[in-house]
Amino acid sequence: MKTIQMTIDEELLQEVDAAVVNLGMSRSAFMREALQQALKQMRIANLERQHVAGYKQYPVKPGEFDVWHSEQLWEEEL
């Protein structure tokens, strides 16, 4: 693991310090977890952009998924 320095404004630091006390974790652990979550959200957003781009490039054709319609119904709707 590497040690880094970072700059953070006082108000945000106070919020972080309150959160770590409530969670019973260190600042470092909190920051690592927050950074991991931010990176995960970025990956998800990127996949969603790719998904949208794919459907824009190859839009769904009318009736393309009709064969699956009966599979989507709840039992009480059958």
PDB file of N, CA and C in Angstrom:
ATOM      1  N   MET A   1       0.841  -1.169   0.000  1.00  0.00           N
ATOM      2  CA  MET A   1       0.000   0.000   0.000  1.00  0.00           C
ATOM      3  C   MET A   1       0.892   1.240   0.000  1.00  0.00           C
ATOM      4  N   LYS A   2       0.435   2.275  -0.661  1.00  0.00           N
ATOM      5  CA  LYS A   2       1.188   3.529  -0.724  1.00  0.00           C
ATOM      6  C   LYS A   2       0.547   4.569   0.180  1.00  0.00           C
ATOM      7  N   THR A   3       1.363   5.443   0.696  1.00  0.00           N
ATOM      8  CA  THR A   3       0.882   6.590   1.471  1.00  0.00           C
ATOM      9  C   THR A   3       0.867   7.785   0.540  1.00  0.00           C
ATOM     10  N   ILE A   4      -0.246   8.532   0.554  1.00  0.00           N
ATOM     11  CA  ILE A   4      -0.366   9.722  -0.288  1.00  0.00           C
ATOM     12  C   ILE A   4      -0.762  10.915   0.566  1.00  0.00           C
ATOM     13  N   GLN A   5      -0.578  12.096  -0.001  1.00  0.00           N
ATOM     14  CA  GLN A   5      -1.047  13.325   0.623  1.00  0.00           C
ATOM     15  C   GLN A   5      -2.162  13.860  -0.242  1.00  0.00           C
ATOM     16  N   MET A   6      -3.145  14.499   0.387  1.00  0.00           N
ATOM     17  CA  MET A   6      -4.198  15.121  -0.389  1.00  0.00           C
ATOM     18  C   MET A   6      -4.666  16.380   0.314  1.00  0.00           C
ATOM     19  N   THR A   7      -5.269  17.250  -0.450  1.00  0.00           N
ATOM     20  CA  THR A   7      -5.812  18.492   0.087  1.00  0.00           C
ATOM     21  C   THR A   7      -7.324  18.350   0.128  1.00  0.00           C
ATOM     22  N   ILE A   8      -7.911  18.767   1.239  1.00  0.00           N
ATOM     23  CA  ILE A   8      -9.352  18.647   1.424  1.00  0.00           C
ATOM     24  C   ILE A   8      -9.828  19.860   2.218  1.00  0.00           C
ATOM     25  N   ASP A   9     -10.989  20.391   1.857  1.00  0.00           N
ATOM     26  CA  ASP A   9     -11.453  21.573   2.581  1.00  0.00           C
ATOM     27  C   ASP A   9     -11.949  21.182   3.973  1.00  0.00           C
ATOM     28  N   GLU A  10     -11.919  22.140   4.881  1.00  0.00           N
ATOM     29  CA  GLU A  10     -12.227  21.906   6.291  1.00  0.00           C
ATOM     30  C   GLU A  10     -13.615  21.299   6.506  1.00  0.00           C
ATOM     31  N   GLU A  11     -14.613  21.844   5.807  1.00  0.00           N
ATOM     32  CA  GLU A  11     -15.983  21.376   6.005  1.00  0.00           C
ATOM     33  C   GLU A  11     -16.129  19.902   5.603  1.00  0.00           C
ATOM     34  N   LEU A  12     -15.530  19.540   4.480  1.00  0.00           N
ATOM     35  CA  LEU A  12     -15.588  18.153   4.030  1.00  0.00           C
ATOM     36  C   LEU A  12     -14.840  17.248   4.999  1.00  0.00           C
ATOM     37  N   LEU A  13     -13.704  17.705   5.492  1.00  0.00           N
ATOM     38  CA  LEU A  13     -12.934  16.919   6.456  1.00  0.00           C
ATOM     39  C   LEU A  13     -13.732  16.685   7.735  1.00  0.00           C
ATOM     40  N   GLN A  14     -14.455  17.690   8.176  1.00  0.00           N
ATOM     41  CA  GLN A  14     -15.291  17.534   9.375  1.00  0.00           C
ATOM     42  C   GLN A  14     -16.377  16.482   9.143  1.00  0.00           C
ATOM     43  N   GLU A  15     -16.963  16.501   7.951  1.00  0.00           N
ATOM     44  CA  GLU A  15     -17.989  15.498   7.628  1.00  0.00           C
ATOM     45  C   GLU A  15     -17.389  14.097   7.587  1.00  0.00           C
ATOM     46  N   VAL A  16     -16.205  13.984   7.001  1.00  0.00           N
ATOM     47  CA  VAL A  16     -15.523  12.689   6.938  1.00  0.00           C
ATOM     48  C   VAL A  16     -15.206  12.204   8.337  1.00  0.00           C
ATOM     49  N   ASP A  17     -14.669  13.088   9.166  1.00  0.00           N
ATOM     50  CA  ASP A  17     -14.317  12.704  10.533  1.00  0.00           C
ATOM     51  C   ASP A  17     -15.547  12.250  11.324  1.00  0.00           C
ATOM     52  N   ALA A  18     -16.673  12.913  11.127  1.00  0.00           N
ATOM     53  CA  ALA A  18     -17.906  12.497  11.813  1.00  0.00           C
ATOM     54  C   ALA A  18     -18.343  11.124  11.299  1.00  0.00           C
ATOM     55  N   ALA A  19     -18.234  10.920   9.993  1.00  0.00           N
ATOM     56  CA  ALA A  19     -18.640   9.639   9.403  1.00  0.00           C
ATOM     57  C   ALA A  19     -17.765   8.492   9.905  1.00  0.00           C
ATOM     58  N   VAL A  20     -16.457   8.703   9.966  1.00  0.00           N
ATOM     59  CA  VAL A  20     -15.572   7.609  10.389  1.00  0.00           C
ATOM     60  C   VAL A  20     -15.791   7.238  11.851  1.00  0.00           C
ATOM     61  N   VAL A  21     -16.131   8.229  12.662  1.00  0.00           N
ATOM     62  CA  VAL A  21     -16.450   7.929  14.063  1.00  0.00           C
ATOM     63  C   VAL A  21     -17.706   7.062  14.121  1.00  0.00           C
ATOM     64  N   ASN A  22     -18.745   7.453  13.374  1.00  0.00           N
ATOM     65  CA  ASN A  22     -19.993   6.687  13.357  1.00  0.00           C
ATOM     66  C   ASN A  22     -19.802   5.281  12.809  1.00  0.00           C
ATOM     67  N   LEU A  23     -18.932   5.146  11.828  1.00  0.00           N
ATOM     68  CA  LEU A  23     -18.704   3.853  11.195  1.00  0.00           C
ATOM     69  C   LEU A  23     -17.646   3.014  11.912  1.00  0.00           C
ATOM     70  N   GLY A  24     -16.894   3.643  12.796  1.00  0.00           N
ATOM     71  CA  GLY A  24     -15.842   2.926  13.511  1.00  0.00           C
ATOM     72  C   GLY A  24     -14.702   2.502  12.603  1.00  0.00           C
ATOM     73  N   MET A  25     -14.334   3.388  11.683  1.00  0.00           N
ATOM     74  CA  MET A  25     -13.240   3.066  10.776  1.00  0.00           C
ATOM     75  C   MET A  25     -12.263   4.231  10.717  1.00  0.00           C
ATOM     76  N   SER A  26     -11.137   4.019  10.110  1.00  0.00           N
ATOM     77  CA  SER A  26     -10.137   5.071   9.982  1.00  0.00           C
ATOM     78  C   SER A  26     -10.460   5.954   8.778  1.00  0.00           C
ATOM     79  N   ARG A  27      -9.856   7.138   8.769  1.00  0.00           N
ATOM     80  CA  ARG A  27      -9.983   8.008   7.596  1.00  0.00           C
ATOM     81  C   ARG A  27      -9.508   7.290   6.340  1.00  0.00           C
ATOM     82  N   SER A  28      -8.372   6.622   6.466  1.00  0.00           N
ATOM     83  CA  SER A  28      -7.793   5.940   5.306  1.00  0.00           C
ATOM     84  C   SER A  28      -8.732   4.878   4.764  1.00  0.00           C
ATOM     85  N   ALA A  29      -9.310   4.081   5.649  1.00  0.00           N
ATOM     86  CA  ALA A  29     -10.239   3.029   5.216  1.00  0.00           C
ATOM     87  C   ALA A  29     -11.469   3.655   4.563  1.00  0.00           C
ATOM     88  N   PHE A  30     -11.959   4.745   5.153  1.00  0.00           N
ATOM     89  CA  PHE A  30     -13.118   5.438   4.594  1.00  0.00           C
ATOM     90  C   PHE A  30     -12.809   5.957   3.196  1.00  0.00           C
ATOM     91  N   MET A  31     -11.652   6.595   3.043  1.00  0.00           N
ATOM     92  CA  MET A  31     -11.259   7.144   1.744  1.00  0.00           C
ATOM     93  C   MET A  31     -11.087   6.031   0.706  1.00  0.00           C
ATOM     94  N   ARG A  32     -10.454   4.923   1.106  1.00  0.00           N
ATOM     95  CA  ARG A  32     -10.290   3.800   0.173  1.00  0.00           C
ATOM     96  C   ARG A  32     -11.642   3.296  -0.305  1.00  0.00           C
ATOM     97  N   GLU A  33     -12.569   3.117   0.648  1.00  0.00           N
ATOM     98  CA  GLU A  33     -13.896   2.626   0.289  1.00  0.00           C
ATOM     99  C   GLU A  33     -14.633   3.625  -0.604  1.00  0.00           C
ATOM    100  N   ALA A  34     -14.532   4.912  -0.278  1.00  0.00           N
ATOM    101  CA  ALA A  34     -15.189   5.942  -1.086  1.00  0.00           C
ATOM    102  C   ALA A  34     -14.619   5.971  -2.502  1.00  0.00           C
ATOM    103  N   LEU A  35     -13.311   5.848  -2.624  1.00  0.00           N
ATOM    104  CA  LEU A  35     -12.680   5.839  -3.948  1.00  0.00           C
ATOM    105  C   LEU A  35     -13.074   4.594  -4.741  1.00  0.00           C
ATOM    106  N   GLN A  36     -13.144   3.444  -4.066  1.00  0.00           N
ATOM    107  CA  GLN A  36     -13.570   2.217  -4.747  1.00  0.00           C
ATOM    108  C   GLN A  36     -14.997   2.356  -5.257  1.00  0.00           C
ATOM    109  N   GLN A  37     -15.877   2.937  -4.446  1.00  0.00           N
ATOM    110  CA  GLN A  37     -17.263   3.144  -4.855  1.00  0.00           C
ATOM    111  C   GLN A  37     -17.354   4.119  -6.033  1.00  0.00           C
ATOM    112  N   ALA A  38     -16.561   5.179  -5.990  1.00  0.00           N
ATOM    113  CA  ALA A  38     -16.562   6.155  -7.087  1.00  0.00           C
ATOM    114  C   ALA A  38     -16.099   5.508  -8.390  1.00  0.00           C
ATOM    115  N   LEU A  39     -15.053   4.691  -8.318  1.00  0.00           N
ATOM    116  CA  LEU A  39     -14.560   3.999  -9.514  1.00  0.00           C
ATOM    117  C   LEU A  39     -15.593   3.001 -10.036  1.00  0.00           C
ATOM    118  N   LYS A  40     -16.278   2.303  -9.126  1.00  0.00           N
ATOM    119  CA  LYS A  40     -17.331   1.367  -9.527  1.00  0.00           C
ATOM    120  C   LYS A  40     -18.460   2.109 -10.242  1.00  0.00           C
ATOM    121  N   GLN A  41     -18.865   3.249  -9.695  1.00  0.00           N
ATOM    122  CA  GLN A  41     -19.918   4.050 -10.325  1.00  0.00           C
ATOM    123  C   GLN A  41     -19.491   4.527 -11.709  1.00  0.00           C
ATOM    124  N   MET A  42     -18.224   4.881 -11.856  1.00  0.00           N
ATOM    125  CA  MET A  42     -17.719   5.305 -13.163  1.00  0.00           C
ATOM    126  C   MET A  42     -17.772   4.157 -14.164  1.00  0.00           C
ATOM    127  N   ARG A  43     -17.397   2.945 -13.721  1.00  0.00           N
ATOM    128  CA  ARG A  43     -17.447   1.777 -14.608  1.00  0.00           C
ATOM    129  C   ARG A  43     -18.891   1.483 -15.028  1.00  0.00           C
ATOM    130  N   ILE A  44     -19.812   1.563 -14.077  1.00  0.00           N
ATOM    131  CA  ILE A  44     -21.224   1.316 -14.384  1.00  0.00           C
ATOM    132  C   ILE A  44     -21.739   2.358 -15.365  1.00  0.00           C
ATOM    133  N   ALA A  45     -21.424   3.631 -15.123  1.00  0.00           N
ATOM    134  CA  ALA A  45     -21.865   4.701 -16.027  1.00  0.00           C
ATOM    135  C   ALA A  45     -21.307   4.481 -17.426  1.00  0.00           C
ATOM    136  N   ASN A  46     -20.063   4.028 -17.522  1.00  0.00           N
ATOM    137  CA  ASN A  46     -19.459   3.758 -18.823  1.00  0.00           C
ATOM    138  C   ASN A  46     -20.175   2.606 -19.533  1.00  0.00           C
ATOM    139  N   LEU A  47     -20.483   1.552 -18.799  1.00  0.00           N
ATOM    140  CA  LEU A  47     -21.218   0.425 -19.389  1.00  0.00           C
ATOM    141  C   LEU A  47     -22.609   0.863 -19.849  1.00  0.00           C
ATOM    142  N   GLU A  48     -23.255   1.729 -19.073  1.00  0.00           N
ATOM    143  CA  GLU A  48     -24.574   2.221 -19.461  1.00  0.00           C
ATOM    144  C   GLU A  48     -24.485   3.063 -20.733  1.00  0.00           C
ATOM    145  N   ARG A  49     -23.431   3.881 -20.852  1.00  0.00           N
ATOM    146  CA  ARG A  49     -23.239   4.664 -22.085  1.00  0.00           C
ATOM    147  C   ARG A  49     -23.032   3.737 -23.282  1.00  0.00           C
ATOM    148  N   GLN A  50     -22.250   2.674 -23.088  1.00  0.00           N
ATOM    149  CA  GLN A  50     -22.027   1.707 -24.163  1.00  0.00           C
ATOM    150  C   GLN A  50     -23.339   1.010 -24.537  1.00  0.00           C
ATOM    151  N   HIS A  51     -24.133   0.691 -23.556  1.00  0.00           N
ATOM    152  CA  HIS A  51     -25.428   0.042 -23.787  1.00  0.00           C
ATOM    153  C   HIS A  51     -26.329   0.943 -24.631  1.00  0.00           C
ATOM    154  N   VAL A  52     -26.420   2.202 -24.254  1.00  0.00           N
ATOM    155  CA  VAL A  52     -27.235   3.169 -25.002  1.00  0.00           C
ATOM    156  C   VAL A  52     -26.702   3.321 -26.426  1.00  0.00           C
ATOM    157  N   ALA A  53     -25.393   3.441 -26.554  1.00  0.00           N
ATOM    158  CA  ALA A  53     -24.797   3.601 -27.884  1.00  0.00           C
ATOM    159  C   ALA A  53     -25.090   2.389 -28.763  1.00  0.00           C
ATOM    160  N   GLY A  54     -25.045   1.202 -28.173  1.00  0.00           N
ATOM    161  CA  GLY A  54     -25.339  -0.013 -28.930  1.00  0.00           C
ATOM    162  C   GLY A  54     -26.761  -0.023 -29.453  1.00  0.00           C
ATOM    163  N   TYR A  55     -27.706   0.377 -28.595  1.00  0.00           N
ATOM    164  CA  TYR A  55     -29.102   0.404 -29.033  1.00  0.00           C
ATOM    165  C   TYR A  55     -29.365   1.534 -30.021  1.00  0.00           C
ATOM    166  N   LYS A  56     -28.585   2.610 -29.936  1.00  0.00           N
ATOM    167  CA  LYS A  56     -28.728   3.671 -30.944  1.00  0.00           C
ATOM    168  C   LYS A  56     -28.205   3.186 -32.293  1.00  0.00           C
ATOM    169  N   GLN A  57     -27.101   2.429 -32.254  1.00  0.00           N
ATOM    170  CA  GLN A  57     -26.518   1.915 -33.490  1.00  0.00           C
ATOM    171  C   GLN A  57     -27.367   0.784 -34.078  1.00  0.00           C
ATOM    172  N   TYR A  58     -27.907  -0.065 -33.201  1.00  0.00           N
ATOM    173  CA  TYR A  58     -28.735  -1.195 -33.631  1.00  0.00           C
ATOM    174  C   TYR A  58     -30.048  -1.174 -32.853  1.00  0.00           C
ATOM    175  N   PRO A  59     -30.976  -0.288 -33.243  1.00  0.00           N
ATOM    176  CA  PRO A  59     -32.233  -0.180 -32.504  1.00  0.00           C
ATOM    177  C   PRO A  59     -33.054  -1.472 -32.570  1.00  0.00           C
ATOM    178  N   VAL A  60     -33.875  -1.649 -31.544  1.00  0.00           N
ATOM    179  CA  VAL A  60     -34.758  -2.815 -31.509  1.00  0.00           C
ATOM    180  C   VAL A  60     -35.787  -2.676 -32.626  1.00  0.00           C
ATOM    181  N   LYS A  61     -35.985  -3.754 -33.347  1.00  0.00           N
ATOM    182  CA  LYS A  61     -36.951  -3.755 -34.444  1.00  0.00           C
ATOM    183  C   LYS A  61     -38.325  -4.141 -33.894  1.00  0.00           C
ATOM    184  N   PRO A  62     -39.382  -3.574 -34.464  1.00  0.00           N
ATOM    185  CA  PRO A  62     -40.726  -3.952 -34.013  1.00  0.00           C
ATOM    186  C   PRO A  62     -40.907  -5.476 -34.089  1.00  0.00           C
ATOM    187  N   GLY A  63     -41.395  -6.053 -33.007  1.00  0.00           N
ATOM    188  CA  GLY A  63     -41.640  -7.493 -32.955  1.00  0.00           C
ATOM    189  C   GLY A  63     -40.423  -8.342 -32.657  1.00  0.00           C
ATOM    190  N   GLU A  64     -39.265  -7.723 -32.506  1.00  0.00           N
ATOM    191  CA  GLU A  64     -38.021  -8.480 -32.319  1.00  0.00           C
ATOM    192  C   GLU A  64     -38.061  -9.376 -31.072  1.00  0.00           C
ATOM    193  N   PHE A  65     -38.701  -8.920 -30.034  1.00  0.00           N
ATOM    194  CA  PHE A  65     -38.721  -9.682 -28.786  1.00  0.00           C
ATOM    195  C   PHE A  65     -40.111 -10.224 -28.450  1.00  0.00           C
ATOM    196  N   ASP A  66     -41.016 -10.213 -29.389  1.00  0.00           N
ATOM    197  CA  ASP A  66     -42.372 -10.696 -29.135  1.00  0.00           C
ATOM    198  C   ASP A  66     -42.398 -12.148 -28.682  1.00  0.00           C
ATOM    199  N   VAL A  67     -41.458 -12.937 -29.163  1.00  0.00           N
ATOM    200  CA  VAL A  67     -41.415 -14.349 -28.796  1.00  0.00           C
ATOM    201  C   VAL A  67     -41.258 -14.522 -27.280  1.00  0.00           C
ATOM    202  N   TRP A  68     -40.714 -13.526 -26.587  1.00  0.00           N
ATOM    203  CA  TRP A  68     -40.491 -13.595 -25.149  1.00  0.00           C
ATOM    204  C   TRP A  68     -41.636 -13.008 -24.339  1.00  0.00           C
ATOM    205  N   HIS A  69     -42.629 -12.477 -25.000  1.00  0.00           N
ATOM    206  CA  HIS A  69     -43.717 -11.792 -24.296  1.00  0.00           C
ATOM    207  C   HIS A  69     -44.357 -12.680 -23.226  1.00  0.00           C
ATOM    208  N   SER A  70     -44.652 -13.918 -23.553  1.00  0.00           N
ATOM    209  CA  SER A  70     -45.316 -14.800 -22.578  1.00  0.00           C
ATOM    210  C   SER A  70     -44.414 -15.117 -21.393  1.00  0.00           C
ATOM    211  N   GLU A  71     -43.116 -15.023 -21.568  1.00  0.00           N
ATOM    212  CA  GLU A  71     -42.174 -15.277 -20.472  1.00  0.00           C
ATOM    213  C   GLU A  71     -42.137 -14.132 -19.480  1.00  0.00           C
ATOM    214  N   GLN A  72     -42.603 -12.964 -19.883  1.00  0.00           N
ATOM    215  CA  GLN A  72     -42.548 -11.784 -19.029  1.00  0.00           C
ATOM    216  C   GLN A  72     -43.793 -11.628 -18.166  1.00  0.00           C
ATOM    217  N   LEU A  73     -44.806 -12.422 -18.402  1.00  0.00           N
ATOM    218  CA  LEU A  73     -46.049 -12.295 -17.652  1.00  0.00           C
ATOM    219  C   LEU A  73     -45.945 -12.985 -16.303  1.00  0.00           C
ATOM    220  N   TRP A  74     -46.539 -12.359 -15.289  1.00  0.00           N
ATOM    221  CA  TRP A  74     -46.625 -12.979 -13.983  1.00  0.00           C
ATOM    222  C   TRP A  74     -47.632 -14.110 -14.059  1.00  0.00           C
ATOM    223  N   GLU A  75     -47.502 -15.083 -13.220  1.00  0.00           N
ATOM    224  CA  GLU A  75     -48.346 -16.263 -13.245  1.00  0.00           C
ATOM    225  C   GLU A  75     -49.834 -15.889 -13.184  1.00  0.00           C
ATOM    226  N   GLU A  76     -50.201 -14.930 -12.328  1.00  0.00           N
ATOM    227  CA  GLU A  76     -51.614 -14.579 -12.191  1.00  0.00           C
ATOM    228  C   GLU A  76     -52.158 -13.869 -13.440  1.00  0.00           C
ATOM    229  N   GLU A  77     -51.284 -13.412 -14.339  1.00  0.00           N
ATOM    230  CA  GLU A  77     -51.737 -12.766 -15.565  1.00  0.00           C
ATOM    231  C   GLU A  77     -52.005 -13.785 -16.675  1.00  0.00           C
ATOM    232  N   LEU A  78     -51.532 -15.001 -16.507  1.00  0.00           N
ATOM    233  CA  LEU A  78     -51.675 -16.031 -17.555  1.00  0.00           C
ATOM    234  C   LEU A  78     -53.080 -16.571 -17.628  1.00  0.00           C
TER     235      LEU A  78
END
